[in-house]
Amino acid sequence: MSIRSKGRRKIIVDSQTYLWYVALDDESPYNILNIVSDDKSYILACPLQTEKEYIISKGRMFQAKKTNGRWNRYFLPFHIPEIITPKFVEQLILWSTKNTDAIPINGDVPV
């Protein structure tokens, strides 16, 4: 099944194609930066303007490792800008695919 691309931006990072978009979350008051690889192995959600900056991994891979298939939350080691740019999206993708320093969140965080 393909990914709907209408209204979404495409970015290529390390020869891998991703679609990204910002949308209001259905279950919270937050806007979410959503990033999906074309093969759906990386599915990332980054809540914007939260007190604690973190990312949610929903895909089969995160930081070059297979995941348990659940939604896993990790603290971000960098600041989320107020305006989301392709440069920031690329930074987030590179950190989510290449690094191995993610700190899991245990406990409650919004979204």
PDB file of N, CA and C in Angstrom:
ATOM      1  N   MET A   1       0.846  -1.168   0.000  1.00  0.00           N
ATOM      2  CA  MET A   1       0.000   0.000   0.000  1.00  0.00           C
ATOM      3  C   MET A   1       0.898   1.240   0.000  1.00  0.00           C
ATOM      4  N   SER A   2       0.623   2.152  -0.858  1.00  0.00           N
ATOM      5  CA  SER A   2       1.455   3.347  -0.957  1.00  0.00           C
ATOM      6  C   SER A   2       1.003   4.403   0.057  1.00  0.00           C
ATOM      7  N   ILE A   3       1.824   5.418   0.181  1.00  0.00           N
ATOM      8  CA  ILE A   3       1.563   6.504   1.099  1.00  0.00           C
ATOM      9  C   ILE A   3       0.925   7.654   0.326  1.00  0.00           C
ATOM     10  N   ARG A   4      -0.111   8.237   0.855  1.00  0.00           N
ATOM     11  CA  ARG A   4      -0.755   9.383   0.210  1.00  0.00           C
ATOM     12  C   ARG A   4       0.214  10.558   0.212  1.00  0.00           C
ATOM     13  N   SER A   5       0.433  11.159  -0.941  1.00  0.00           N
ATOM     14  CA  SER A   5       1.420  12.234  -1.035  1.00  0.00           C
ATOM     15  C   SER A   5       0.791  13.612  -1.222  1.00  0.00           C
ATOM     16  N   LYS A   6      -0.494  13.682  -1.454  1.00  0.00           N
ATOM     17  CA  LYS A   6      -1.136  14.976  -1.659  1.00  0.00           C
ATOM     18  C   LYS A   6      -1.067  15.801  -0.367  1.00  0.00           C
ATOM     19  N   GLY A   7      -0.570  17.034  -0.483  1.00  0.00           N
ATOM     20  CA  GLY A   7      -0.461  17.920   0.661  1.00  0.00           C
ATOM     21  C   GLY A   7       0.720  17.617   1.559  1.00  0.00           C
ATOM     22  N   ARG A   8       1.629  16.771   1.099  1.00  0.00           N
ATOM     23  CA  ARG A   8       2.798  16.394   1.880  1.00  0.00           C
ATOM     24  C   ARG A   8       4.057  16.714   1.092  1.00  0.00           C
ATOM     25  N   ARG A   9       5.121  16.990   1.810  1.00  0.00           N
ATOM     26  CA  ARG A   9       6.371  17.351   1.151  1.00  0.00           C
ATOM     27  C   ARG A   9       7.288  16.142   1.078  1.00  0.00           C
ATOM     28  N   LYS A  10       8.064  16.070   0.020  1.00  0.00           N
ATOM     29  CA  LYS A  10       8.999  14.973  -0.176  1.00  0.00           C
ATOM     30  C   LYS A  10      10.409  15.473   0.129  1.00  0.00           C
ATOM     31  N   ILE A  11      11.187  14.611   0.775  1.00  0.00           N
ATOM     32  CA  ILE A  11      12.591  14.901   1.037  1.00  0.00           C
ATOM     33  C   ILE A  11      13.378  13.610   0.833  1.00  0.00           C
ATOM     34  N   ILE A  12      14.571  13.733   0.274  1.00  0.00           N
ATOM     35  CA  ILE A  12      15.430  12.567   0.071  1.00  0.00           C
ATOM     36  C   ILE A  12      16.649  12.746   0.970  1.00  0.00           C
ATOM     37  N   VAL A  13      16.889  11.759   1.821  1.00  0.00           N
ATOM     38  CA  VAL A  13      18.017  11.767   2.744  1.00  0.00           C
ATOM     39  C   VAL A  13      18.740  10.438   2.588  1.00  0.00           C
ATOM     40  N   ASP A  14      20.026  10.497   2.268  1.00  0.00           N
ATOM     41  CA  ASP A  14      20.833   9.279   2.048  1.00  0.00           C
ATOM     42  C   ASP A  14      20.153   8.313   1.082  1.00  0.00           C
ATOM     43  N   SER A  15      19.688   8.819  -0.029  1.00  0.00           N
ATOM     44  CA  SER A  15      19.060   8.042  -1.105  1.00  0.00           C
ATOM     45  C   SER A  15      17.725   7.400  -0.715  1.00  0.00           C
ATOM     46  N   GLN A  16      17.183   7.739   0.435  1.00  0.00           N
ATOM     47  CA  GLN A  16      15.892   7.220   0.885  1.00  0.00           C
ATOM     48  C   GLN A  16      14.870   8.357   0.795  1.00  0.00           C
ATOM     49  N   THR A  17      13.709   8.063   0.243  1.00  0.00           N
ATOM     50  CA  THR A  17      12.659   9.068   0.106  1.00  0.00           C
ATOM     51  C   THR A  17      11.729   9.028   1.319  1.00  0.00           C
ATOM     52  N   TYR A  18      11.399  10.210   1.815  1.00  0.00           N
ATOM     53  CA  TYR A  18      10.481  10.370   2.943  1.00  0.00           C
ATOM     54  C   TYR A  18       9.421  11.397   2.563  1.00  0.00           C
ATOM     55  N   LEU A  19       8.249  11.244   3.132  1.00  0.00           N
ATOM     56  CA  LEU A  19       7.213  12.270   3.049  1.00  0.00           C
ATOM     57  C   LEU A  19       7.072  12.861   4.444  1.00  0.00           C
ATOM     58  N   TRP A  20       6.851  14.175   4.489  1.00  0.00           N
ATOM     59  CA  TRP A  20       6.657  14.813   5.785  1.00  0.00           C
ATOM     60  C   TRP A  20       5.589  15.886   5.694  1.00  0.00           C
ATOM     61  N   TYR A  21       4.924  16.095   6.820  1.00  0.00           N
ATOM     62  CA  TYR A  21       3.869  17.101   6.907  1.00  0.00           C
ATOM     63  C   TYR A  21       3.588  17.397   8.376  1.00  0.00           C
ATOM     64  N   VAL A  22       3.010  18.555   8.622  1.00  0.00           N
ATOM     65  CA  VAL A  22       2.589  18.940   9.963  1.00  0.00           C
ATOM     66  C   VAL A  22       1.068  18.964   9.974  1.00  0.00           C
ATOM     67  N   ALA A  23       0.488  18.350  10.995  1.00  0.00           N
ATOM     68  CA  ALA A  23      -0.976  18.307  11.110  1.00  0.00           C
ATOM     69  C   ALA A  23      -1.369  18.326  12.586  1.00  0.00           C
ATOM     70  N   LEU A  24      -2.554  18.832  12.853  1.00  0.00           N
ATOM     71  CA  LEU A  24      -3.088  18.832  14.207  1.00  0.00           C
ATOM     72  C   LEU A  24      -3.424  17.399  14.598  1.00  0.00           C
ATOM     73  N   ASP A  25      -2.999  17.008  15.782  1.00  0.00           N
ATOM     74  CA  ASP A  25      -3.268  15.659  16.274  1.00  0.00           C
ATOM     75  C   ASP A  25      -4.754  15.515  16.596  1.00  0.00           C
ATOM     76  N   ASP A  26      -5.321  14.369  16.268  1.00  0.00           N
ATOM     77  CA  ASP A  26      -6.744  14.116  16.510  1.00  0.00           C
ATOM     78  C   ASP A  26      -7.079  13.982  17.994  1.00  0.00           C
ATOM     79  N   GLU A  27      -6.088  13.577  18.795  1.00  0.00           N
ATOM     80  CA  GLU A  27      -6.364  13.263  20.197  1.00  0.00           C
ATOM     81  C   GLU A  27      -5.679  14.189  21.192  1.00  0.00           C
ATOM     82  N   SER A  28      -5.076  15.265  20.709  1.00  0.00           N
ATOM     83  CA  SER A  28      -4.418  16.208  21.614  1.00  0.00           C
ATOM     84  C   SER A  28      -4.442  17.597  20.978  1.00  0.00           C
ATOM     85  N   PRO A  29      -4.038  18.605  21.743  1.00  0.00           N
ATOM     86  CA  PRO A  29      -4.039  19.967  21.194  1.00  0.00           C
ATOM     87  C   PRO A  29      -2.768  20.310  20.419  1.00  0.00           C
ATOM     88  N   TYR A  30      -1.917  19.323  20.160  1.00  0.00           N
ATOM     89  CA  TYR A  30      -0.613  19.584  19.552  1.00  0.00           C
ATOM     90  C   TYR A  30      -0.612  19.398  18.041  1.00  0.00           C
ATOM     91  N   ASN A  31       0.187  20.211  17.379  1.00  0.00           N
ATOM     92  CA  ASN A  31       0.540  19.943  15.994  1.00  0.00           C
ATOM     93  C   ASN A  31       1.647  18.910  16.020  1.00  0.00           C
ATOM     94  N   ILE A  32       1.624  18.006  15.049  1.00  0.00           N
ATOM     95  CA  ILE A  32       2.591  16.912  14.991  1.00  0.00           C
ATOM     96  C   ILE A  32       3.328  16.970  13.662  1.00  0.00           C
ATOM     97  N   LEU A  33       4.642  16.911  13.722  1.00  0.00           N
ATOM     98  CA  LEU A  33       5.453  16.726  12.526  1.00  0.00           C
ATOM     99  C   LEU A  33       5.495  15.229  12.261  1.00  0.00           C
ATOM    100  N   ASN A  34       4.959  14.805  11.124  1.00  0.00           N
ATOM    101  CA  ASN A  34       4.920  13.394  10.745  1.00  0.00           C
ATOM    102  C   ASN A  34       5.924  13.155   9.627  1.00  0.00           C
ATOM    103  N   ILE A  35       6.715  12.095   9.754  1.00  0.00           N
ATOM    104  CA  ILE A  35       7.706  11.730   8.748  1.00  0.00           C
ATOM    105  C   ILE A  35       7.563  10.232   8.479  1.00  0.00           C
ATOM    106  N   VAL A  36       7.435   9.865   7.200  1.00  0.00           N
ATOM    107  CA  VAL A  36       7.254   8.457   6.832  1.00  0.00           C
ATOM    108  C   VAL A  36       8.188   8.125   5.677  1.00  0.00           C
ATOM    109  N   SER A  37       8.978   7.056   5.828  1.00  0.00           N
ATOM    110  CA  SER A  37       9.821   6.608   4.717  1.00  0.00           C
ATOM    111  C   SER A  37       8.944   5.927   3.681  1.00  0.00           C
ATOM    112  N   ASP A  38       9.389   5.927   2.430  1.00  0.00           N
ATOM    113  CA  ASP A  38       8.547   5.356   1.369  1.00  0.00           C
ATOM    114  C   ASP A  38       8.292   3.874   1.559  1.00  0.00           C
ATOM    115  N   ASP A  39       9.170   3.168   2.264  1.00  0.00           N
ATOM    116  CA  ASP A  39       8.944   1.747   2.538  1.00  0.00           C
ATOM    117  C   ASP A  39       8.261   1.520   3.893  1.00  0.00           C
ATOM    118  N   LYS A  40       7.943   2.606   4.592  1.00  0.00           N
ATOM    119  CA  LYS A  40       7.257   2.607   5.884  1.00  0.00           C
ATOM    120  C   LYS A  40       8.059   1.956   7.007  1.00  0.00           C
ATOM    121  N   SER A  41       9.347   1.766   6.815  1.00  0.00           N
ATOM    122  CA  SER A  41      10.138   1.206   7.906  1.00  0.00           C
ATOM    123  C   SER A  41      10.367   2.242   9.002  1.00  0.00           C
ATOM    124  N   TYR A  42      10.445   3.511   8.606  1.00  0.00           N
ATOM    125  CA  TYR A  42      10.563   4.603   9.573  1.00  0.00           C
ATOM    126  C   TYR A  42       9.274   5.418   9.539  1.00  0.00           C
ATOM    127  N   ILE A  43       8.583   5.440  10.656  1.00  0.00           N
ATOM    128  CA  ILE A  43       7.392   6.260  10.822  1.00  0.00           C
ATOM    129  C   ILE A  43       7.608   7.043  12.110  1.00  0.00           C
ATOM    130  N   LEU A  44       7.753   8.354  11.971  1.00  0.00           N
ATOM    131  CA  LEU A  44       8.101   9.205  13.100  1.00  0.00           C
ATOM    132  C   LEU A  44       7.033  10.264  13.309  1.00  0.00           C
ATOM    133  N   ALA A  45       6.770  10.585  14.558  1.00  0.00           N
ATOM    134  CA  ALA A  45       5.854  11.662  14.922  1.00  0.00           C
ATOM    135  C   ALA A  45       6.551  12.515  15.970  1.00  0.00           C
ATOM    136  N   CYS A  46       6.584  13.804  15.723  1.00  0.00           N
ATOM    137  CA  CYS A  46       7.267  14.723  16.623  1.00  0.00           C
ATOM    138  C   CYS A  46       6.290  15.809  17.070  1.00  0.00           C
ATOM    139  N   PRO A  47       5.770  15.709  18.294  1.00  0.00           N
ATOM    140  CA  PRO A  47       4.864  16.747  18.787  1.00  0.00           C
ATOM    141  C   PRO A  47       5.596  18.088  18.871  1.00  0.00           C
ATOM    142  N   LEU A  48       4.917  19.147  18.454  1.00  0.00           N
ATOM    143  CA  LEU A  48       5.534  20.472  18.419  1.00  0.00           C
ATOM    144  C   LEU A  48       5.034  21.318  19.580  1.00  0.00           C
ATOM    145  N   GLN A  49       5.906  22.175  20.063  1.00  0.00           N
ATOM    146  CA  GLN A  49       5.603  23.122  21.129  1.00  0.00           C
ATOM    147  C   GLN A  49       5.124  22.436  22.405  1.00  0.00           C
ATOM    148  N   THR A  50       5.806  21.356  22.766  1.00  0.00           N
ATOM    149  CA  THR A  50       5.535  20.683  24.030  1.00  0.00           C
ATOM    150  C   THR A  50       6.583  21.125  25.041  1.00  0.00           C
ATOM    151  N   GLU A  51       6.304  20.881  26.314  1.00  0.00           N
ATOM    152  CA  GLU A  51       7.250  21.266  27.363  1.00  0.00           C
ATOM    153  C   GLU A  51       8.548  20.468  27.242  1.00  0.00           C
ATOM    154  N   LYS A  52       8.433  19.170  27.015  1.00  0.00           N
ATOM    155  CA  LYS A  52       9.593  18.300  26.807  1.00  0.00           C
ATOM    156  C   LYS A  52       9.623  17.904  25.341  1.00  0.00           C
ATOM    157  N   GLU A  53      10.778  18.056  24.711  1.00  0.00           N
ATOM    158  CA  GLU A  53      10.887  17.754  23.281  1.00  0.00           C
ATOM    159  C   GLU A  53      11.235  16.279  23.100  1.00  0.00           C
ATOM    160  N   TYR A  54      10.415  15.585  22.331  1.00  0.00           N
ATOM    161  CA  TYR A  54      10.607  14.151  22.130  1.00  0.00           C
ATOM    162  C   TYR A  54      10.051  13.742  20.775  1.00  0.00           C
ATOM    163  N   ILE A  55      10.344  12.497  20.419  1.00  0.00           N
ATOM    164  CA  ILE A  55       9.860  11.936  19.163  1.00  0.00           C
ATOM    165  C   ILE A  55       9.210  10.583  19.460  1.00  0.00           C
ATOM    166  N   ILE A  56       8.252  10.231  18.646  1.00  0.00           N
ATOM    167  CA  ILE A  56       7.589   8.926  18.768  1.00  0.00           C
ATOM    168  C   ILE A  56       7.954   8.112  17.542  1.00  0.00           C
ATOM    169  N   SER A  57       8.504   6.927  17.764  1.00  0.00           N
ATOM    170  CA  SER A  57       8.812   6.016  16.673  1.00  0.00           C
ATOM    171  C   SER A  57       7.664   5.013  16.568  1.00  0.00           C
ATOM    172  N   LYS A  58       7.049   4.950  15.384  1.00  0.00           N
ATOM    173  CA  LYS A  58       5.919   4.047  15.159  1.00  0.00           C
ATOM    174  C   LYS A  58       6.239   2.959  14.138  1.00  0.00           C
ATOM    175  N   GLY A  59       7.402   3.030  13.524  1.00  0.00           N
ATOM    176  CA  GLY A  59       7.754   2.112  12.443  1.00  0.00           C
ATOM    177  C   GLY A  59       8.489   0.869  12.910  1.00  0.00           C
ATOM    178  N   ARG A  60       9.006   0.129  11.943  1.00  0.00           N
ATOM    179  CA  ARG A  60       9.729  -1.120  12.216  1.00  0.00           C
ATOM    180  C   ARG A  60      11.185  -0.895  12.590  1.00  0.00           C
ATOM    181  N   MET A  61      11.696   0.321  12.316  1.00  0.00           N
ATOM    182  CA  MET A  61      13.115   0.619  12.564  1.00  0.00           C
ATOM    183  C   MET A  61      13.230   1.950  13.305  1.00  0.00           C
ATOM    184  N   PHE A  62      14.278   2.049  14.123  1.00  0.00           N
ATOM    185  CA  PHE A  62      14.646   3.319  14.749  1.00  0.00           C
ATOM    186  C   PHE A  62      16.118   3.246  15.094  1.00  0.00           C
ATOM    187  N   GLN A  63      16.857   4.239  14.672  1.00  0.00           N
ATOM    188  CA  GLN A  63      18.299   4.311  14.849  1.00  0.00           C
ATOM    189  C   GLN A  63      18.978   3.008  14.394  1.00  0.00           C
ATOM    190  N   ALA A  64      18.593   2.586  13.186  1.00  0.00           N
ATOM    191  CA  ALA A  64      19.169   1.437  12.490  1.00  0.00           C
ATOM    192  C   ALA A  64      18.954   0.100  13.212  1.00  0.00           C
ATOM    193  N   LYS A  65      17.984   0.037  14.108  1.00  0.00           N
ATOM    194  CA  LYS A  65      17.660  -1.203  14.801  1.00  0.00           C
ATOM    195  C   LYS A  65      16.181  -1.503  14.625  1.00  0.00           C
ATOM    196  N   LYS A  66      15.849  -2.796  14.588  1.00  0.00           N
ATOM    197  CA  LYS A  66      14.447  -3.190  14.537  1.00  0.00           C
ATOM    198  C   LYS A  66      13.793  -2.844  15.868  1.00  0.00           C
ATOM    199  N   THR A  67      12.527  -2.422  15.786  1.00  0.00           N
ATOM    200  CA  THR A  67      11.804  -2.063  16.997  1.00  0.00           C
ATOM    201  C   THR A  67      10.828  -3.172  17.382  1.00  0.00           C
ATOM    202  N   ASN A  68      10.186  -2.985  18.522  1.00  0.00           N
ATOM    203  CA  ASN A  68       9.240  -3.989  19.003  1.00  0.00           C
ATOM    204  C   ASN A  68       7.840  -3.817  18.410  1.00  0.00           C
ATOM    205  N   GLY A  69       7.666  -2.840  17.523  1.00  0.00           N
ATOM    206  CA  GLY A  69       6.383  -2.633  16.871  1.00  0.00           C
ATOM    207  C   GLY A  69       5.426  -1.748  17.643  1.00  0.00           C
ATOM    208  N   ARG A  70       5.815  -1.339  18.834  1.00  0.00           N
ATOM    209  CA  ARG A  70       4.982  -0.433  19.628  1.00  0.00           C
ATOM    210  C   ARG A  70       5.406   1.004  19.393  1.00  0.00           C
ATOM    211  N   TRP A  71       4.597   1.919  19.860  1.00  0.00           N
ATOM    212  CA  TRP A  71       4.967   3.328  19.820  1.00  0.00           C
ATOM    213  C   TRP A  71       5.977   3.558  20.930  1.00  0.00           C
ATOM    214  N   ASN A  72       7.186   3.924  20.558  1.00  0.00           N
ATOM    215  CA  ASN A  72       8.241   4.188  21.529  1.00  0.00           C
ATOM    216  C   ASN A  72       8.593   5.663  21.492  1.00  0.00           C
ATOM    217  N   ARG A  73       8.738   6.252  22.676  1.00  0.00           N
ATOM    218  CA  ARG A  73       9.054   7.679  22.778  1.00  0.00           C
ATOM    219  C   ARG A  73      10.505   7.845  23.220  1.00  0.00           C
ATOM    220  N   TYR A  74      11.156   8.870  22.630  1.00  0.00           N
ATOM    221  CA  TYR A  74      12.560   9.151  22.939  1.00  0.00           C
ATOM    222  C   TYR A  74      12.754  10.657  23.078  1.00  0.00           C
ATOM    223  N   PHE A  75      13.582  11.045  24.055  1.00  0.00           N
ATOM    224  CA  PHE A  75      13.937  12.454  24.185  1.00  0.00           C
ATOM    225  C   PHE A  75      14.790  12.872  22.995  1.00  0.00           C
ATOM    226  N   LEU A  76      14.590  14.092  22.535  1.00  0.00           N
ATOM    227  CA  LEU A  76      15.423  14.639  21.462  1.00  0.00           C
ATOM    228  C   LEU A  76      16.628  15.341  22.070  1.00  0.00           C
ATOM    229  N   PRO A  77      17.810  15.160  21.482  1.00  0.00           N
ATOM    230  CA  PRO A  77      19.008  15.817  22.010  1.00  0.00           C
ATOM    231  C   PRO A  77      19.211  17.226  21.447  1.00  0.00           C
ATOM    232  N   PHE A  78      18.217  17.740  20.746  1.00  0.00           N
ATOM    233  CA  PHE A  78      18.316  19.071  20.161  1.00  0.00           C
ATOM    234  C   PHE A  78      16.955  19.750  20.210  1.00  0.00           C
ATOM    235  N   HIS A  79      16.966  21.044  20.018  1.00  0.00           N
ATOM    236  CA  HIS A  79      15.767  21.880  20.106  1.00  0.00           C
ATOM    237  C   HIS A  79      14.925  21.775  18.824  1.00  0.00           C
ATOM    238  N   ILE A  80      13.609  21.812  18.983  1.00  0.00           N
ATOM    239  CA  ILE A  80      12.688  21.860  17.844  1.00  0.00           C
ATOM    240  C   ILE A  80      12.410  23.334  17.549  1.00  0.00           C
ATOM    241  N   PRO A  81      12.710  23.793  16.344  1.00  0.00           N
ATOM    242  CA  PRO A  81      12.458  25.201  16.027  1.00  0.00           C
ATOM    243  C   PRO A  81      10.960  25.495  15.917  1.00  0.00           C
ATOM    244  N   GLU A  82      10.621  26.765  16.036  1.00  0.00           N
ATOM    245  CA  GLU A  82       9.206  27.150  15.900  1.00  0.00           C
ATOM    246  C   GLU A  82       8.701  26.939  14.486  1.00  0.00           C
ATOM    247  N   ILE A  83       9.569  27.183  13.504  1.00  0.00           N
ATOM    248  CA  ILE A  83       9.208  26.993  12.102  1.00  0.00           C
ATOM    249  C   ILE A  83       9.918  25.739  11.602  1.00  0.00           C
ATOM    250  N   ILE A  84       9.139  24.768  11.126  1.00  0.00           N
ATOM    251  CA  ILE A  84       9.705  23.511  10.647  1.00  0.00           C
ATOM    252  C   ILE A  84      10.188  23.703   9.215  1.00  0.00           C
ATOM    253  N   THR A  85      11.461  23.417   8.994  1.00  0.00           N
ATOM    254  CA  THR A  85      12.083  23.568   7.678  1.00  0.00           C
ATOM    255  C   THR A  85      12.579  22.221   7.178  1.00  0.00           C
ATOM    256  N   PRO A  86      12.824  22.099   5.877  1.00  0.00           N
ATOM    257  CA  PRO A  86      13.411  20.863   5.363  1.00  0.00           C
ATOM    258  C   PRO A  86      14.755  20.533   6.028  1.00  0.00           C
ATOM    259  N   LYS A  87      15.521  21.543   6.381  1.00  0.00           N
ATOM    260  CA  LYS A  87      16.811  21.306   7.052  1.00  0.00           C
ATOM    261  C   LYS A  87      16.596  20.620   8.405  1.00  0.00           C
ATOM    262  N   PHE A  88      15.601  21.069   9.174  1.00  0.00           N
ATOM    263  CA  PHE A  88      15.313  20.423  10.452  1.00  0.00           C
ATOM    264  C   PHE A  88      14.797  19.002  10.238  1.00  0.00           C
ATOM    265  N   VAL A  89      13.931  18.823   9.246  1.00  0.00           N
ATOM    266  CA  VAL A  89      13.408  17.480   8.956  1.00  0.00           C
ATOM    267  C   VAL A  89      14.561  16.537   8.615  1.00  0.00           C
ATOM    268  N   GLU A  90      15.503  17.011   7.815  1.00  0.00           N
ATOM    269  CA  GLU A  90      16.675  16.193   7.486  1.00  0.00           C
ATOM    270  C   GLU A  90      17.480  15.864   8.744  1.00  0.00           C
ATOM    271  N   GLN A  91      17.681  16.838   9.623  1.00  0.00           N
ATOM    272  CA  GLN A  91      18.411  16.605  10.873  1.00  0.00           C
ATOM    273  C   GLN A  91      17.725  15.526  11.704  1.00  0.00           C
ATOM    274  N   LEU A  92      16.409  15.607  11.803  1.00  0.00           N
ATOM    275  CA  LEU A  92      15.641  14.634  12.570  1.00  0.00           C
ATOM    276  C   LEU A  92      15.729  13.238  11.949  1.00  0.00           C
ATOM    277  N   ILE A  93      15.653  13.160  10.630  1.00  0.00           N
ATOM    278  CA  ILE A  93      15.763  11.874   9.942  1.00  0.00           C
ATOM    279  C   ILE A  93      17.149  11.275  10.161  1.00  0.00           C
ATOM    280  N   LEU A  94      18.188  12.067   9.991  1.00  0.00           N
ATOM    281  CA  LEU A  94      19.549  11.557  10.189  1.00  0.00           C
ATOM    282  C   LEU A  94      19.748  11.054  11.615  1.00  0.00           C
ATOM    283  N   TRP A  95      19.276  11.807  12.599  1.00  0.00           N
ATOM    284  CA  TRP A  95      19.395  11.358  13.980  1.00  0.00           C
ATOM    285  C   TRP A  95      18.612  10.066  14.208  1.00  0.00           C
ATOM    286  N   SER A  96      17.438   9.948  13.603  1.00  0.00           N
ATOM    287  CA  SER A  96      16.573   8.781  13.802  1.00  0.00           C
ATOM    288  C   SER A  96      17.047   7.540  13.059  1.00  0.00           C
ATOM    289  N   THR A  97      17.891   7.729  12.043  1.00  0.00           N
ATOM    290  CA  THR A  97      18.341   6.581  11.256  1.00  0.00           C
ATOM    291  C   THR A  97      19.794   6.206  11.501  1.00  0.00           C
ATOM    292  N   LYS A  98      20.634   7.157  11.865  1.00  0.00           N
ATOM    293  CA  LYS A  98      22.079   6.900  11.958  1.00  0.00           C
ATOM    294  C   LYS A  98      22.608   6.804  13.387  1.00  0.00           C
ATOM    295  N   ASN A  99      22.089   7.620  14.274  1.00  0.00           N
ATOM    296  CA  ASN A  99      22.628   7.660  15.639  1.00  0.00           C
ATOM    297  C   ASN A  99      22.167   6.463  16.452  1.00  0.00           C
ATOM    298  N   THR A 100      22.779   6.312  17.614  1.00  0.00           N
ATOM    299  CA  THR A 100      22.402   5.223  18.517  1.00  0.00           C
ATOM    300  C   THR A 100      22.312   5.726  19.957  1.00  0.00           C
ATOM    301  N   ASP A 101      22.099   7.033  20.124  1.00  0.00           N
ATOM    302  CA  ASP A 101      22.133   7.624  21.458  1.00  0.00           C
ATOM    303  C   ASP A 101      20.758   7.997  22.013  1.00  0.00           C
ATOM    304  N   ALA A 102      19.704   7.461  21.456  1.00  0.00           N
ATOM    305  CA  ALA A 102      18.353   7.834  21.898  1.00  0.00           C
ATOM    306  C   ALA A 102      18.112   7.376  23.330  1.00  0.00           C
ATOM    307  N   ILE A 103      17.507   8.274  24.110  1.00  0.00           N
ATOM    308  CA  ILE A 103      17.156   7.960  25.495  1.00  0.00           C
ATOM    309  C   ILE A 103      15.651   7.729  25.548  1.00  0.00           C
ATOM    310  N   PRO A 104      15.233   6.483  25.869  1.00  0.00           N
ATOM    311  CA  PRO A 104      13.796   6.196  25.919  1.00  0.00           C
ATOM    312  C   PRO A 104      13.123   6.962  27.046  1.00  0.00           C
ATOM    313  N   ILE A 105      11.861   7.280  26.834  1.00  0.00           N
ATOM    314  CA  ILE A 105      11.066   7.952  27.864  1.00  0.00           C
ATOM    315  C   ILE A 105      10.241   6.895  28.573  1.00  0.00           C
ATOM    316  N   ASN A 106      10.381   6.852  29.873  1.00  0.00           N
ATOM    317  CA  ASN A 106       9.572   5.976  30.702  1.00  0.00           C
ATOM    318  C   ASN A 106       8.655   6.856  31.522  1.00  0.00           C
ATOM    319  N   GLY A 107       7.372   6.657  31.404  1.00  0.00           N
ATOM    320  CA  GLY A 107       6.431   7.484  32.141  1.00  0.00           C
ATOM    321  C   GLY A 107       5.563   8.300  31.219  1.00  0.00           C
ATOM    322  N   ASP A 108       4.873   9.241  31.810  1.00  0.00           N
ATOM    323  CA  ASP A 108       3.889  10.023  31.064  1.00  0.00           C
ATOM    324  C   ASP A 108       4.502  11.236  30.389  1.00  0.00           C
ATOM    325  N   VAL A 109       4.157  11.407  29.147  1.00  0.00           N
ATOM    326  CA  VAL A 109       4.415  12.630  28.394  1.00  0.00           C
ATOM    327  C   VAL A 109       3.179  12.842  27.533  1.00  0.00           C
ATOM    328  N   PRO A 110       2.897  14.078  27.147  1.00  0.00           N
ATOM    329  CA  PRO A 110       1.717  14.298  26.309  1.00  0.00           C
ATOM    330  C   PRO A 110       1.801  13.540  24.988  1.00  0.00           C
ATOM    331  N   VAL A 111       0.674  13.202  24.450  1.00  0.00           N
ATOM    332  CA  VAL A 111       0.513  12.520  23.161  1.00  0.00           C
ATOM    333  C   VAL A 111       0.958  11.137  23.282  1.00  0.00           C
TER     334      VAL A 111
END
